[in-house]
Amino acid sequence: MAVWEGLIVFIIFVVVLYLASAIKVLREYERAVRFRLGRFAGIKGPGIFLIVPVLDRLRKVDLRTITLDVPKQRVVTKDNVSVDVDAVVYMRVLKPDDAIMKVEHYIMATSLLAQTTLRDVLGQRDLDELLTKRDELNVSLQKILDEATDAWGIKVSSVTIRDVSLPEEMLRAIAKQAEAERERRSRVIMAQGEFEAAKKMTEAAKKYQENPSAMRLRELQTLTEIAREKNMIVVTPTQVGTSLGEVLGLTSAVLKKRKK
């Protein structure tokens, strides 16, 4: 009797162990590629399902977007400038069976491909394009990587160039270039101001020429302003010396009287 009880307990233990090995549960964002005796036997998940222990083998795949950090790459641009560039690749698995069966270590393969593509694409551009057209370069990199990884069942949704490190001498050259550009703009603005001022003065001269009385009033106003300064001698033309001298004397007297 004791032997039968021990046998029953052993059978129950084996059944429980078998069920524990056969029952699998996957999350909503997980899939499992099943192989039976080495052959592809379908994709399982999400939720609960059964496998045949010993005969079946599973390879889990995460379907969420993966952030892939591409390490810094030394890139020689089209105009022979060496820069260090790193990027971020956003990818996710669309076809778990292709990601497992068509490439070994699909994450590593995508990372190496991204490094090579980064050097190839940026090496065909000038430094100015690399610094000013990042959005365009990001789109170009994403398109190339997406087409290359499509056979692996991977979707590259975005590529972002994160940092561009320039040599110290290049930074100094860019700073000098920026300073020269600011100086050029400043001189252009000053020249435009001089041009506008000359244009207005020409128009004013024409108006004074048409109306001599206005010119005379302007002279008197200028002399009045000069008379405010102390220790200054004003020399006027002989043809208008008498009248202007009288006006200047009267103006000085008026100003002194106001000060008292």
Protein backbone atom coordinates (compact mmCIF):
# COMPACT_ATOMS: atom_id res chain seq x y z
CA MET A 1 0.00 0.00 0.00
CA ALA A 2 2.80 2.37 0.89
CA VAL A 3 4.44 1.61 -2.47
CA TRP A 4 1.27 2.62 -4.34
CA GLU A 5 0.97 5.82 -2.35
CA GLY A 6 4.59 6.69 -3.12
CA LEU A 7 3.99 5.96 -6.81
CA ILE A 8 0.90 8.22 -6.87
CA VAL A 9 2.83 11.01 -5.19
CA PHE A 10 5.63 10.60 -7.74
CA ILE A 11 3.18 10.70 -10.66
CA ILE A 12 1.53 13.84 -9.27
CA PHE A 13 4.94 15.44 -8.87
CA VAL A 14 5.88 14.61 -12.47
CA VAL A 15 2.55 15.98 -13.77
CA VAL A 16 2.96 19.22 -11.83
CA LEU A 17 6.55 19.58 -13.03
CA TYR A 18 5.43 18.93 -16.63
CA LEU A 19 2.64 21.50 -16.43
CA ALA A 20 5.00 24.02 -14.90
CA SER A 21 7.34 23.54 -17.85
CA ALA A 22 4.55 23.43 -20.43
CA ILE A 23 2.53 26.48 -19.37
CA LYS A 24 3.95 29.79 -20.57
CA VAL A 25 2.65 33.32 -20.15
CA LEU A 26 3.71 36.32 -22.23
CA ARG A 27 2.95 40.00 -21.72
CA GLU A 28 1.02 42.05 -24.25
CA TYR A 29 4.19 43.50 -25.80
CA GLU A 30 6.00 40.14 -26.01
CA ARG A 31 6.00 37.39 -28.62
CA ALA A 32 7.70 33.99 -28.65
CA VAL A 33 9.11 32.29 -31.73
CA ARG A 34 8.64 28.54 -31.21
CA PHE A 35 10.95 25.88 -32.61
CA ARG A 36 10.02 22.19 -32.41
CA LEU A 37 12.96 19.86 -32.90
CA GLY A 38 14.81 22.75 -34.52
CA ARG A 39 12.06 23.66 -37.00
CA PHE A 40 10.00 26.86 -36.95
CA ALA A 41 6.61 26.06 -35.41
CA GLY A 42 4.89 29.46 -35.26
CA ILE A 43 4.66 32.54 -33.07
CA LYS A 44 3.04 32.45 -29.66
CA GLY A 45 1.61 35.12 -27.38
CA PRO A 46 0.47 37.21 -25.79
CA GLY A 47 -1.28 35.52 -22.87
CA ILE A 48 -1.11 31.90 -21.75
CA PHE A 49 -0.27 28.92 -23.99
CA LEU A 50 1.21 25.44 -23.81
CA ILE A 51 4.39 23.97 -25.24
CA VAL A 52 5.84 20.49 -25.32
CA PRO A 53 8.79 20.42 -22.94
CA VAL A 54 12.06 19.07 -24.33
CA LEU A 55 10.68 19.18 -27.89
CA ASP A 56 9.91 22.92 -28.02
CA ARG A 57 12.27 25.86 -27.64
CA LEU A 58 11.18 29.50 -27.37
CA ARG A 59 12.89 32.78 -28.30
CA LYS A 60 11.22 35.84 -26.79
CA VAL A 61 11.03 39.09 -28.71
CA ASP A 62 10.09 42.51 -27.29
CA LEU A 63 7.82 44.50 -29.63
CA ARG A 64 8.29 47.83 -27.88
CA THR A 65 10.36 50.65 -29.39
CA ILE A 66 14.04 50.23 -28.56
CA THR A 67 16.32 53.22 -28.09
CA LEU A 68 19.65 52.36 -29.70
CA ASP A 69 22.58 54.56 -28.78
CA VAL A 70 25.05 54.80 -31.65
CA PRO A 71 28.54 55.50 -30.21
CA LYS A 72 30.62 58.40 -31.50
CA GLN A 73 32.01 57.90 -34.98
CA ARG A 74 34.95 59.73 -36.52
CA VAL A 75 33.63 61.20 -39.77
CA VAL A 76 35.64 62.98 -42.47
CA THR A 77 33.31 65.39 -44.24
CA LYS A 78 33.35 66.17 -47.94
CA ASP A 79 35.48 69.27 -47.30
CA ASN A 80 38.06 67.19 -45.34
CA VAL A 81 37.11 68.16 -41.79
CA SER A 82 37.29 65.45 -39.10
CA VAL A 83 34.39 65.50 -36.64
CA ASP A 84 33.00 63.11 -34.02
CA VAL A 85 29.30 62.39 -34.43
CA ASP A 86 26.95 60.25 -32.37
CA ALA A 87 23.27 59.50 -32.91
CA VAL A 88 20.19 57.78 -31.50
CA VAL A 89 18.15 55.22 -33.44
CA TYR A 90 14.56 54.35 -32.53
CA MET A 91 13.57 50.89 -33.76
CA ARG A 92 11.03 48.16 -33.07
CA VAL A 93 10.37 44.62 -34.24
CA LEU A 94 7.44 44.12 -36.62
CA LYS A 95 8.05 40.49 -37.59
CA PRO A 96 9.47 38.41 -34.71
CA ASP A 97 10.13 35.36 -36.91
CA ASP A 98 12.31 37.37 -39.34
CA ALA A 99 14.14 39.09 -36.49
CA ILE A 100 15.09 35.70 -35.03
CA MET A 101 15.66 33.57 -38.13
CA LYS A 102 17.13 36.04 -40.66
CA VAL A 103 19.75 37.75 -38.53
CA GLU A 104 21.79 36.84 -35.48
CA HIS A 105 21.44 39.38 -32.64
CA TYR A 106 19.24 41.86 -34.52
CA ILE A 107 19.96 44.69 -32.06
CA MET A 108 23.71 44.40 -32.51
CA ALA A 109 23.32 44.08 -36.27
CA THR A 110 21.21 47.25 -36.42
CA SER A 111 23.72 49.12 -34.27
CA LEU A 112 26.66 48.18 -36.50
CA LEU A 113 24.66 49.06 -39.61
CA ALA A 114 23.77 52.44 -38.10
CA GLN A 115 27.44 53.19 -37.40
CA THR A 116 28.45 52.36 -40.97
CA THR A 117 25.56 54.31 -42.49
CA LEU A 118 26.33 57.32 -40.30
CA ARG A 119 29.91 57.48 -41.55
CA ASP A 120 28.92 56.92 -45.20
CA VAL A 121 26.11 59.49 -45.34
CA LEU A 122 27.82 62.26 -43.38
CA GLY A 123 31.07 61.72 -45.26
CA GLN A 124 29.29 62.88 -48.43
CA ARG A 125 28.25 66.23 -46.91
CA ASP A 126 30.11 69.45 -46.17
CA LEU A 127 30.60 70.67 -42.62
CA ASP A 128 28.12 73.51 -43.12
CA GLU A 129 25.44 71.02 -44.18
CA LEU A 130 26.23 68.84 -41.18
CA LEU A 131 25.75 71.79 -38.83
CA THR A 132 22.71 73.42 -40.46
CA LYS A 133 20.76 70.60 -42.13
CA ARG A 134 20.39 68.03 -39.36
CA ASP A 135 16.70 67.44 -40.01
CA GLU A 136 17.41 66.57 -43.63
CA LEU A 137 20.26 64.27 -42.63
CA ASN A 138 18.10 62.57 -39.99
CA VAL A 139 15.45 61.77 -42.59
CA SER A 140 18.08 60.45 -45.01
CA LEU A 141 19.63 58.20 -42.35
CA GLN A 142 16.22 56.90 -41.23
CA LYS A 143 15.21 56.02 -44.78
CA ILE A 144 18.43 54.13 -45.51
CA LEU A 145 18.36 52.18 -42.23
CA ASP A 146 14.67 51.37 -42.56
CA GLU A 147 15.14 49.93 -46.05
CA ALA A 148 18.18 47.90 -44.97
CA THR A 149 16.53 46.40 -41.87
CA ASP A 150 13.18 45.69 -43.50
CA ALA A 151 14.36 42.19 -44.43
CA TRP A 152 15.03 41.54 -40.72
CA GLY A 153 11.45 42.43 -39.76
CA ILE A 154 12.61 45.66 -38.08
CA LYS A 155 11.12 49.13 -38.46
CA VAL A 156 13.45 52.11 -37.92
CA SER A 157 11.04 54.90 -37.03
CA SER A 158 13.50 57.72 -36.39
CA VAL A 159 17.17 58.65 -36.36
CA THR A 160 18.50 61.70 -34.53
CA ILE A 161 22.01 63.13 -34.77
CA ARG A 162 22.67 63.99 -31.14
CA ASP A 163 26.05 65.71 -31.07
CA VAL A 164 28.73 66.95 -33.45
CA SER A 165 32.13 67.50 -31.83
CA LEU A 166 34.47 69.82 -33.75
CA PRO A 167 38.26 70.16 -33.33
CA GLU A 168 39.45 73.14 -31.31
CA GLU A 169 41.05 74.87 -34.30
CA MET A 170 37.82 74.50 -36.25
CA LEU A 171 35.84 76.08 -33.39
CA ARG A 172 38.20 79.06 -33.45
CA ALA A 173 37.83 79.37 -37.22
CA ILE A 174 34.03 79.28 -36.96
CA ALA A 175 34.13 81.93 -34.21
CA LYS A 176 36.28 84.18 -36.44
CA GLN A 177 33.93 83.61 -39.33
CA ALA A 178 30.93 84.52 -37.19
CA GLU A 179 32.69 87.66 -35.93
CA ALA A 180 33.56 88.68 -39.50
CA GLU A 181 29.95 88.13 -40.56
CA ARG A 182 28.70 90.33 -37.70
CA GLU A 183 31.23 93.04 -38.66
CA ARG A 184 30.09 92.85 -42.28
CA ARG A 185 26.45 93.25 -41.28
CA SER A 186 27.34 96.18 -39.03
CA ARG A 187 29.15 97.98 -41.85
CA VAL A 188 26.31 97.32 -44.26
CA ILE A 189 23.82 98.79 -41.78
CA MET A 190 26.05 101.85 -41.24
CA ALA A 191 26.42 102.31 -45.00
CA GLN A 192 22.68 102.07 -45.46
CA GLY A 193 22.22 104.68 -42.74
CA GLU A 194 24.72 107.02 -44.40
CA PHE A 195 22.97 106.52 -47.71
CA GLU A 196 19.58 107.38 -46.25
CA ALA A 197 21.04 110.40 -44.45
CA ALA A 198 22.71 111.66 -47.64
CA LYS A 199 19.49 111.16 -49.54
CA LYS A 200 17.52 113.21 -47.01
CA MET A 201 20.18 115.94 -46.91
CA THR A 202 20.05 116.16 -50.72
CA GLU A 203 16.30 116.60 -50.58
CA ALA A 204 16.66 119.23 -47.85
CA ALA A 205 19.26 121.13 -49.92
CA LYS A 206 16.89 121.23 -52.86
CA LYS A 207 14.15 122.61 -50.63
CA TYR A 208 16.50 125.29 -49.21
CA GLN A 209 17.57 126.19 -52.76
CA GLU A 210 13.96 126.72 -53.76
CA ASN A 211 13.26 128.85 -50.66
CA PRO A 212 16.21 131.12 -49.61
CA SER A 213 14.23 132.46 -46.65
CA ALA A 214 14.08 129.00 -45.15
CA MET A 215 17.85 128.69 -45.62
CA ARG A 216 18.36 131.98 -43.80
CA LEU A 217 16.18 130.87 -40.90
CA ARG A 218 18.18 127.66 -40.67
CA GLU A 219 21.42 129.65 -40.50
CA LEU A 220 20.02 131.80 -37.72
CA GLN A 221 18.92 128.72 -35.80
CA THR A 222 22.39 127.19 -36.14
CA LEU A 223 24.06 130.36 -34.91
CA THR A 224 21.68 130.49 -31.96
CA GLU A 225 22.72 126.99 -30.99
CA ILE A 226 26.41 127.89 -31.35
CA ALA A 227 25.96 130.97 -29.15
CA ARG A 228 25.04 128.77 -26.20
CA GLU A 229 28.64 127.55 -25.98
CA LYS A 230 31.09 129.64 -23.95
CA ASN A 231 34.50 130.87 -25.17
CA MET A 232 33.66 130.39 -28.85
CA ILE A 233 34.26 132.87 -31.68
CA VAL A 234 31.84 132.77 -34.61
CA VAL A 235 33.05 134.02 -37.99
CA THR A 236 30.29 134.77 -40.51
CA PRO A 237 30.54 135.58 -44.25
CA THR A 238 31.01 139.29 -45.09
CA GLN A 239 27.86 139.53 -47.17
CA VAL A 240 25.74 138.64 -44.18
CA GLY A 241 28.14 139.67 -41.45
CA THR A 242 26.32 142.79 -40.27
CA SER A 243 22.88 141.34 -39.91
CA LEU A 244 24.06 138.02 -38.56
CA GLY A 245 26.39 139.72 -36.10
CA GLU A 246 23.53 141.77 -34.77
CA VAL A 247 21.34 138.70 -34.47
CA LEU A 248 24.11 136.83 -32.69
CA GLY A 249 24.68 139.68 -30.27
CA LEU A 250 21.01 139.90 -29.48
CA THR A 251 20.86 136.14 -29.00
CA SER A 252 23.81 136.18 -26.56
CA ALA A 253 22.23 139.02 -24.60
CA VAL A 254 18.94 137.18 -24.34
CA LEU A 255 20.67 133.99 -23.12
CA LYS A 256 22.66 135.89 -20.47
CA LYS A 257 19.51 137.60 -19.27
CA ARG A 258 17.77 134.20 -18.94
CA LYS A 259 20.65 132.83 -16.87
CA LYS A 260 20.41 135.73 -14.43
